[in-house]
Amino acid sequence: MVILKSSEVGNPIKGKFLYRKNRFVGVCSVNGEITHCHISDTGRLKEILTEGRDILLLRNKEQNKTPYKLLAAKMEEGFVLVNTSIHSKIAKRIIQAGFLGFNPQKIKSEVKYKDSRIDFLIDDNLYIELKGCNLKIGDVCYFPDAPTERGLKHLKHLLELKRQGFDAAIMVLSLRDCDKFLPNFETDKAFSKTFAEVISEGVKFYGFKVKFDDNYNIVYNGKLEVDKTLWTLLKKYST
């Protein structure tokens, strides 16, 4: 199933990644010319943004600070999305298509709760926080790939909402072709332990995979489940 047509994504331009200048700017080459691209994903991406990696870029508007923005990087399974600015649009299409198990009547985006904004409120009852995942080790995808205080706060807010009587869920959008999902205990123990806590208290988990097809459409690539070793890891990292 096509989630986003290539025309909605943009007109990708092929290039080579050279190095990450800082958190938001990468140095790359396009047709042999050295240039710069904006990186919207602030994760470490150490295994993705390596020297000489084939990438897809989108041309920026003239008033932007960089000529291009980074869209995707080519990994063993093909081009992998590394542009967080379209995660929400992809997730919304998945929700609208009924992949949560029902067809929603109303979807609100960026819903304010305390000092946060929760990504979606479905039918005035189900709060969903979205996380994009592109770290893959073996057959497992992990989040986060860098410590995330913001992500931890979102989990705590989901649990609060659940305890208030609302339905709440964390939705992981995997951009890699992996079999299972786990929180990254080694990188962020606090987030990972809280993830396990909120799941045990009834916060739902929705996991989905997407990929680029040969025409640069973003397509649905199957469901993602939490790996059963979560509880073993929780015991290991709780000591």
C-alpha atoms as a PDB file:
ATOM      1  CA  MET A   1       0.000   0.000   0.000  1.00  0.00           C
ATOM      2  CA  VAL A   2       1.338   3.448  -0.955  1.00  0.00           C
ATOM      3  CA  ILE A   3       1.348   5.787   2.072  1.00  0.00           C
ATOM      4  CA  LEU A   4       2.890   8.830   0.404  1.00  0.00           C
ATOM      5  CA  LYS A   5       3.323   9.180  -3.352  1.00  0.00           C
ATOM      6  CA  SER A   6       6.716  10.332  -4.579  1.00  0.00           C
ATOM      7  CA  SER A   7       5.083  13.555  -5.800  1.00  0.00           C
ATOM      8  CA  GLU A   8       4.071  14.277  -2.194  1.00  0.00           C
ATOM      9  CA  VAL A   9       7.560  13.573  -0.921  1.00  0.00           C
ATOM     10  CA  GLY A  10       9.282  15.802  -3.471  1.00  0.00           C
ATOM     11  CA  ASN A  11      11.689  15.282  -6.344  1.00  0.00           C
ATOM     12  CA  PRO A  12      14.677  13.378  -4.912  1.00  0.00           C
ATOM     13  CA  ILE A  13      18.164  14.252  -6.099  1.00  0.00           C
ATOM     14  CA  LYS A  14      20.950  11.692  -5.710  1.00  0.00           C
ATOM     15  CA  GLY A  15      24.123  12.612  -3.880  1.00  0.00           C
ATOM     16  CA  LYS A  16      26.905  11.365  -1.618  1.00  0.00           C
ATOM     17  CA  PHE A  17      27.151  12.077   2.101  1.00  0.00           C
ATOM     18  CA  LEU A  18      30.585  13.275   3.239  1.00  0.00           C
ATOM     19  CA  TYR A  19      30.359  14.229   6.915  1.00  0.00           C
ATOM     20  CA  ARG A  20      28.140  15.813   9.526  1.00  0.00           C
ATOM     21  CA  LYS A  21      29.250  19.368  10.167  1.00  0.00           C
ATOM     22  CA  ASN A  22      26.998  19.773  13.192  1.00  0.00           C
ATOM     23  CA  ARG A  23      23.685  18.525  14.540  1.00  0.00           C
ATOM     24  CA  PHE A  24      21.625  20.103  11.757  1.00  0.00           C
ATOM     25  CA  VAL A  25      24.003  20.443   8.796  1.00  0.00           C
ATOM     26  CA  GLY A  26      25.671  17.817   6.651  1.00  0.00           C
ATOM     27  CA  VAL A  27      28.330  18.222   3.967  1.00  0.00           C
ATOM     28  CA  CYS A  28      27.583  16.270   0.792  1.00  0.00           C
ATOM     29  CA  SER A  29      28.308  16.216  -2.913  1.00  0.00           C
ATOM     30  CA  VAL A  30      25.840  16.508  -5.789  1.00  0.00           C
ATOM     31  CA  ASN A  31      27.151  15.885  -9.310  1.00  0.00           C
ATOM     32  CA  GLY A  32      30.685  16.245  -7.959  1.00  0.00           C
ATOM     33  CA  GLU A  33      30.009  19.640  -6.343  1.00  0.00           C
ATOM     34  CA  ILE A  34      30.497  20.031  -2.562  1.00  0.00           C
ATOM     35  CA  THR A  35      27.404  21.476  -0.899  1.00  0.00           C
ATOM     36  CA  HIS A  36      25.396  21.428   2.343  1.00  0.00           C
ATOM     37  CA  CYS A  37      22.139  19.837   3.445  1.00  0.00           C
ATOM     38  CA  HIS A  38      19.843  20.317   6.404  1.00  0.00           C
ATOM     39  CA  ILE A  39      19.466  17.267   8.676  1.00  0.00           C
ATOM     40  CA  SER A  40      16.105  17.252  10.444  1.00  0.00           C
ATOM     41  CA  ASP A  41      16.789  14.059  12.437  1.00  0.00           C
ATOM     42  CA  THR A  42      18.818  15.078  15.493  1.00  0.00           C
ATOM     43  CA  GLY A  43      19.635  11.489  16.474  1.00  0.00           C
ATOM     44  CA  ARG A  44      23.221  10.285  16.229  1.00  0.00           C
ATOM     45  CA  LEU A  45      22.673   8.230  13.035  1.00  0.00           C
ATOM     46  CA  LYS A  46      26.287   7.035  13.301  1.00  0.00           C
ATOM     47  CA  GLU A  47      25.722   3.860  11.311  1.00  0.00           C
ATOM     48  CA  ILE A  48      23.723   5.719   8.640  1.00  0.00           C
ATOM     49  CA  LEU A  49      25.478   9.017   7.990  1.00  0.00           C
ATOM     50  CA  THR A  50      28.863   7.625   7.008  1.00  0.00           C
ATOM     51  CA  GLU A  51      31.340   8.990   4.477  1.00  0.00           C
ATOM     52  CA  GLY A  52      30.487   8.060   0.899  1.00  0.00           C
ATOM     53  CA  ARG A  53      26.949   6.922   1.661  1.00  0.00           C
ATOM     54  CA  ASP A  54      24.492   7.277  -1.230  1.00  0.00           C
ATOM     55  CA  ILE A  55      21.749   9.715  -0.236  1.00  0.00           C
ATOM     56  CA  LEU A  56      18.599  11.330  -1.556  1.00  0.00           C
ATOM     57  CA  LEU A  57      18.176  15.085  -1.202  1.00  0.00           C
ATOM     58  CA  LEU A  58      15.376  17.565  -1.740  1.00  0.00           C
ATOM     59  CA  ARG A  59      16.098  21.060  -2.965  1.00  0.00           C
ATOM     60  CA  ASN A  60      15.404  23.761  -0.389  1.00  0.00           C
ATOM     61  CA  LYS A  61      13.792  27.120  -0.982  1.00  0.00           C
ATOM     62  CA  GLU A  62      16.193  29.931  -1.827  1.00  0.00           C
ATOM     63  CA  GLN A  63      15.729  31.663   1.531  1.00  0.00           C
ATOM     64  CA  ASN A  64      16.841  28.573   3.463  1.00  0.00           C
ATOM     65  CA  LYS A  65      20.330  28.380   4.924  1.00  0.00           C
ATOM     66  CA  THR A  66      21.279  25.211   3.025  1.00  0.00           C
ATOM     67  CA  PRO A  67      20.644  24.418  -0.665  1.00  0.00           C
ATOM     68  CA  TYR A  68      19.295  20.957   0.148  1.00  0.00           C
ATOM     69  CA  LYS A  69      17.611  18.929   2.868  1.00  0.00           C
ATOM     70  CA  LEU A  70      18.440  15.304   3.525  1.00  0.00           C
ATOM     71  CA  LEU A  71      15.651  12.856   2.676  1.00  0.00           C
ATOM     72  CA  ALA A  72      17.106   9.336   2.777  1.00  0.00           C
ATOM     73  CA  ALA A  73      20.296   7.293   2.980  1.00  0.00           C
ATOM     74  CA  LYS A  74      20.967   3.988   1.225  1.00  0.00           C
ATOM     75  CA  MET A  75      21.393   1.006   3.551  1.00  0.00           C
ATOM     76  CA  GLU A  76      21.481  -2.738   2.865  1.00  0.00           C
ATOM     77  CA  GLU A  77      17.692  -2.887   2.483  1.00  0.00           C
ATOM     78  CA  GLY A  78      17.489   0.164   0.223  1.00  0.00           C
ATOM     79  CA  PHE A  79      16.940   3.869   0.835  1.00  0.00           C
ATOM     80  CA  VAL A  80      15.944   4.626   4.434  1.00  0.00           C
ATOM     81  CA  LEU A  81      14.011   7.760   5.351  1.00  0.00           C
ATOM     82  CA  VAL A  82      15.978  10.112   7.622  1.00  0.00           C
ATOM     83  CA  ASN A  83      13.746  13.161   7.380  1.00  0.00           C
ATOM     84  CA  THR A  84      11.620  13.533  10.515  1.00  0.00           C
ATOM     85  CA  SER A  85       9.514  16.348   9.045  1.00  0.00           C
ATOM     86  CA  ILE A  86       7.251  13.876   7.231  1.00  0.00           C
ATOM     87  CA  HIS A  87       6.905  11.243   9.981  1.00  0.00           C
ATOM     88  CA  SER A  88       3.640  12.736  11.203  1.00  0.00           C
ATOM     89  CA  LYS A  89       2.097  12.777   7.728  1.00  0.00           C
ATOM     90  CA  ILE A  90       3.030   9.116   7.212  1.00  0.00           C
ATOM     91  CA  ALA A  91       1.604   8.117  10.606  1.00  0.00           C
ATOM     92  CA  LYS A  92      -1.618   9.996   9.975  1.00  0.00           C
ATOM     93  CA  ARG A  93      -2.131   8.174   6.673  1.00  0.00           C
ATOM     94  CA  ILE A  94      -1.585   4.846   8.453  1.00  0.00           C
ATOM     95  CA  ILE A  95      -4.154   5.777  11.106  1.00  0.00           C
ATOM     96  CA  GLN A  96      -6.658   6.960   8.490  1.00  0.00           C
ATOM     97  CA  ALA A  97      -6.261   3.677   6.598  1.00  0.00           C
ATOM     98  CA  GLY A  98      -7.512   1.732   9.615  1.00  0.00           C
ATOM     99  CA  PHE A  99      -4.258   0.027  10.617  1.00  0.00           C
ATOM    100  CA  LEU A 100      -5.028   0.640  14.299  1.00  0.00           C
ATOM    101  CA  GLY A 101      -7.882  -1.832  13.924  1.00  0.00           C
ATOM    102  CA  PHE A 102     -10.641   0.721  13.381  1.00  0.00           C
ATOM    103  CA  ASN A 103     -11.522   3.639  11.120  1.00  0.00           C
ATOM    104  CA  PRO A 104     -11.299   6.867  13.125  1.00  0.00           C
ATOM    105  CA  GLN A 105     -13.927   9.561  12.794  1.00  0.00           C
ATOM    106  CA  LYS A 106     -11.740  12.408  14.031  1.00  0.00           C
ATOM    107  CA  ILE A 107      -7.970  12.939  14.139  1.00  0.00           C
ATOM    108  CA  LYS A 108      -6.430  15.951  15.860  1.00  0.00           C
ATOM    109  CA  SER A 109      -2.714  16.635  15.480  1.00  0.00           C
ATOM    110  CA  GLU A 110      -0.288  18.311  17.896  1.00  0.00           C
ATOM    111  CA  VAL A 111      -2.655  18.298  20.882  1.00  0.00           C
ATOM    112  CA  LYS A 112      -1.467  20.337  23.854  1.00  0.00           C
ATOM    113  CA  TYR A 113      -1.134  18.542  27.196  1.00  0.00           C
ATOM    114  CA  LYS A 114       0.618  20.377  30.046  1.00  0.00           C
ATOM    115  CA  ASP A 115       4.003  21.479  28.629  1.00  0.00           C
ATOM    116  CA  SER A 116       3.928  18.938  25.787  1.00  0.00           C
ATOM    117  CA  ARG A 117       2.228  18.421  22.481  1.00  0.00           C
ATOM    118  CA  ILE A 118       0.996  14.888  21.913  1.00  0.00           C
ATOM    119  CA  ASP A 119       1.144  13.928  18.236  1.00  0.00           C
ATOM    120  CA  PHE A 120      -2.444  12.700  17.817  1.00  0.00           C
ATOM    121  CA  LEU A 121      -5.795  12.604  19.589  1.00  0.00           C
ATOM    122  CA  ILE A 122      -8.126  10.069  17.958  1.00  0.00           C
ATOM    123  CA  ASP A 123     -11.899  10.374  18.395  1.00  0.00           C
ATOM    124  CA  ASP A 124     -11.399  12.554  21.487  1.00  0.00           C
ATOM    125  CA  ASN A 125     -10.256   9.564  23.537  1.00  0.00           C
ATOM    126  CA  LEU A 126      -7.051   7.945  22.252  1.00  0.00           C
ATOM    127  CA  TYR A 127      -3.797   9.887  22.689  1.00  0.00           C
ATOM    128  CA  ILE A 128      -0.913   8.699  20.503  1.00  0.00           C
ATOM    129  CA  GLU A 129       2.710   9.776  20.700  1.00  0.00           C
ATOM    130  CA  LEU A 130       4.797   8.999  17.608  1.00  0.00           C
ATOM    131  CA  LYS A 131       8.466   8.012  17.512  1.00  0.00           C
ATOM    132  CA  GLY A 132      10.482   7.386  14.369  1.00  0.00           C
ATOM    133  CA  CYS A 133      13.018   4.569  14.570  1.00  0.00           C
ATOM    134  CA  ASN A 134      16.003   4.042  12.272  1.00  0.00           C
ATOM    135  CA  LEU A 135      18.570   2.264  14.467  1.00  0.00           C
ATOM    136  CA  LYS A 136      18.807  -1.419  13.511  1.00  0.00           C
ATOM    137  CA  ILE A 137      21.001  -4.048  15.151  1.00  0.00           C
ATOM    138  CA  GLY A 138      20.531  -7.519  13.714  1.00  0.00           C
ATOM    139  CA  ASP A 139      16.802  -8.042  13.248  1.00  0.00           C
ATOM    140  CA  VAL A 140      15.761  -5.602  15.981  1.00  0.00           C
ATOM    141  CA  CYS A 141      15.037  -1.884  15.707  1.00  0.00           C
ATOM    142  CA  TYR A 142      15.827   0.332  18.681  1.00  0.00           C
ATOM    143  CA  PHE A 143      14.730   3.737  19.955  1.00  0.00           C
ATOM    144  CA  PRO A 144      16.273   6.092  20.918  1.00  0.00           C
ATOM    145  CA  ASP A 145      19.747   6.254  19.419  1.00  0.00           C
ATOM    146  CA  ALA A 146      20.566   9.211  21.706  1.00  0.00           C
ATOM    147  CA  PRO A 147      19.275  10.115  25.199  1.00  0.00           C
ATOM    148  CA  THR A 148      15.871  11.819  24.986  1.00  0.00           C
ATOM    149  CA  GLU A 149      14.441  13.797  27.888  1.00  0.00           C
ATOM    150  CA  ARG A 150      11.611  14.894  25.618  1.00  0.00           C
ATOM    151  CA  GLY A 151      10.735  11.290  24.805  1.00  0.00           C
ATOM    152  CA  LEU A 152      10.775  10.387  28.494  1.00  0.00           C
ATOM    153  CA  LYS A 153       8.408  13.244  29.279  1.00  0.00           C
ATOM    154  CA  HIS A 154       6.023  12.069  26.551  1.00  0.00           C
ATOM    155  CA  LEU A 155       5.908   8.567  28.043  1.00  0.00           C
ATOM    156  CA  LYS A 156       5.104   9.962  31.485  1.00  0.00           C
ATOM    157  CA  HIS A 157       2.339  12.094  30.027  1.00  0.00           C
ATOM    158  CA  LEU A 158       0.840   9.104  28.223  1.00  0.00           C
ATOM    159  CA  LEU A 159       0.763   7.212  31.514  1.00  0.00           C
ATOM    160  CA  GLU A 160      -0.909  10.159  33.248  1.00  0.00           C
ATOM    161  CA  LEU A 161      -3.561  10.276  30.541  1.00  0.00           C
ATOM    162  CA  LYS A 162      -4.108   6.528  30.852  1.00  0.00           C
ATOM    163  CA  ARG A 163      -4.596   6.853  34.603  1.00  0.00           C
ATOM    164  CA  GLN A 164      -7.111   9.642  33.987  1.00  0.00           C
ATOM    165  CA  GLY A 165      -9.279   7.231  31.994  1.00  0.00           C
ATOM    166  CA  PHE A 166      -8.197   7.990  28.438  1.00  0.00           C
ATOM    167  CA  ASP A 167      -6.757   5.454  26.034  1.00  0.00           C
ATOM    168  CA  ALA A 168      -3.092   6.101  25.322  1.00  0.00           C
ATOM    169  CA  ALA A 169      -0.535   4.597  22.969  1.00  0.00           C
ATOM    170  CA  ILE A 170       3.003   4.958  21.749  1.00  0.00           C
ATOM    171  CA  MET A 171       3.348   4.482  17.999  1.00  0.00           C
ATOM    172  CA  VAL A 172       6.729   3.518  16.594  1.00  0.00           C
ATOM    173  CA  LEU A 173       7.301   4.125  12.912  1.00  0.00           C
ATOM    174  CA  SER A 174      10.214   1.926  11.865  1.00  0.00           C
ATOM    175  CA  LEU A 175      12.099   3.177   8.842  1.00  0.00           C
ATOM    176  CA  ARG A 176      14.214   0.021   8.669  1.00  0.00           C
ATOM    177  CA  ASP A 177      13.261  -3.546   7.740  1.00  0.00           C
ATOM    178  CA  CYS A 178      13.422  -5.244  11.145  1.00  0.00           C
ATOM    179  CA  ASP A 179      11.417  -7.985  12.850  1.00  0.00           C
ATOM    180  CA  LYS A 180      11.018  -6.627  16.380  1.00  0.00           C
ATOM    181  CA  PHE A 181      11.311  -3.450  18.451  1.00  0.00           C
ATOM    182  CA  LEU A 182      13.059  -2.726  21.755  1.00  0.00           C
ATOM    183  CA  PRO A 183      13.773   0.453  23.687  1.00  0.00           C
ATOM    184  CA  ASN A 184      17.500   1.145  23.790  1.00  0.00           C
ATOM    185  CA  PHE A 185      18.488   0.406  27.391  1.00  0.00           C
ATOM    186  CA  GLU A 186      22.199   0.915  26.743  1.00  0.00           C
ATOM    187  CA  THR A 187      21.685   4.419  25.355  1.00  0.00           C
ATOM    188  CA  ASP A 188      18.813   5.670  27.553  1.00  0.00           C
ATOM    189  CA  LYS A 189      17.991   3.553  30.603  1.00  0.00           C
ATOM    190  CA  ALA A 190      15.400   6.019  31.964  1.00  0.00           C
ATOM    191  CA  PHE A 191      13.375   6.078  28.740  1.00  0.00           C
ATOM    192  CA  SER A 192      13.582   2.302  28.356  1.00  0.00           C
ATOM    193  CA  LYS A 193      12.510   1.491  31.911  1.00  0.00           C
ATOM    194  CA  THR A 194       9.620   3.946  31.630  1.00  0.00           C
ATOM    195  CA  PHE A 195       8.622   2.424  28.282  1.00  0.00           C
ATOM    196  CA  ALA A 196       8.308  -0.975  29.962  1.00  0.00           C
ATOM    197  CA  GLU A 197       6.367   0.586  32.854  1.00  0.00           C
ATOM    198  CA  VAL A 198       3.798   2.310  30.652  1.00  0.00           C
ATOM    199  CA  ILE A 199       3.271  -0.836  28.545  1.00  0.00           C
ATOM    200  CA  SER A 200       2.723  -2.882  31.715  1.00  0.00           C
ATOM    201  CA  GLU A 201       0.105  -0.349  32.864  1.00  0.00           C
ATOM    202  CA  GLY A 202      -1.941  -0.610  29.684  1.00  0.00           C
ATOM    203  CA  VAL A 203      -0.521   2.040  27.364  1.00  0.00           C
ATOM    204  CA  LYS A 204      -0.841   0.429  23.927  1.00  0.00           C
ATOM    205  CA  PHE A 205       1.978  -0.152  21.457  1.00  0.00           C
ATOM    206  CA  TYR A 206       1.430   0.303  17.739  1.00  0.00           C
ATOM    207  CA  GLY A 207       4.383  -0.505  15.508  1.00  0.00           C
ATOM    208  CA  PHE A 208       4.556  -0.150  11.728  1.00  0.00           C
ATOM    209  CA  LYS A 209       7.272  -0.354   9.104  1.00  0.00           C
ATOM    210  CA  VAL A 210       7.550   1.776   5.969  1.00  0.00           C
ATOM    211  CA  LYS A 211      10.034   1.875   3.104  1.00  0.00           C
ATOM    212  CA  PHE A 212      10.729   3.469  -0.267  1.00  0.00           C
ATOM    213  CA  ASP A 213       9.724   1.520  -3.348  1.00  0.00           C
ATOM    214  CA  ASP A 214      11.623   1.732  -6.648  1.00  0.00           C
ATOM    215  CA  ASN A 215       9.661   4.851  -7.636  1.00  0.00           C
ATOM    216  CA  TYR A 216      10.396   6.664  -4.341  1.00  0.00           C
ATOM    217  CA  ASN A 217       6.877   6.231  -3.029  1.00  0.00           C
ATOM    218  CA  ILE A 218       6.744   5.563   0.706  1.00  0.00           C
ATOM    219  CA  VAL A 219       4.904   2.268   1.157  1.00  0.00           C
ATOM    220  CA  TYR A 220       3.582   0.204   4.045  1.00  0.00           C
ATOM    221  CA  ASN A 221       6.009  -2.594   4.972  1.00  0.00           C
ATOM    222  CA  GLY A 222       4.218  -4.494   7.763  1.00  0.00           C
ATOM    223  CA  LYS A 223       3.625  -4.409  11.489  1.00  0.00           C
ATOM    224  CA  LEU A 224       6.256  -4.227  14.220  1.00  0.00           C
ATOM    225  CA  GLU A 225       5.943  -5.966  17.592  1.00  0.00           C
ATOM    226  CA  VAL A 226       7.769  -5.461  20.884  1.00  0.00           C
ATOM    227  CA  ASP A 227      10.402  -8.157  21.393  1.00  0.00           C
ATOM    228  CA  LYS A 228       9.629 -10.495  24.292  1.00  0.00           C
ATOM    229  CA  THR A 229      13.105  -9.956  25.735  1.00  0.00           C
ATOM    230  CA  LEU A 230      11.923  -6.529  26.983  1.00  0.00           C
ATOM    231  CA  TRP A 231      11.135  -7.931  30.422  1.00  0.00           C
ATOM    232  CA  THR A 232      14.450  -9.778  30.690  1.00  0.00           C
ATOM    233  CA  LEU A 233      16.274  -6.567  29.783  1.00  0.00           C
ATOM    234  CA  LEU A 234      14.217  -4.626  32.316  1.00  0.00           C
ATOM    235  CA  LYS A 235      15.375  -6.949  35.097  1.00  0.00           C
ATOM    236  CA  LYS A 236      18.979  -6.731  33.895  1.00  0.00           C
ATOM    237  CA  TYR A 237      19.072  -2.934  33.841  1.00  0.00           C
ATOM    238  CA  SER A 238      17.051  -2.490  37.048  1.00  0.00           C
ATOM    239  CA  THR A 239      19.849  -3.891  39.222  1.00  0.00           C
END
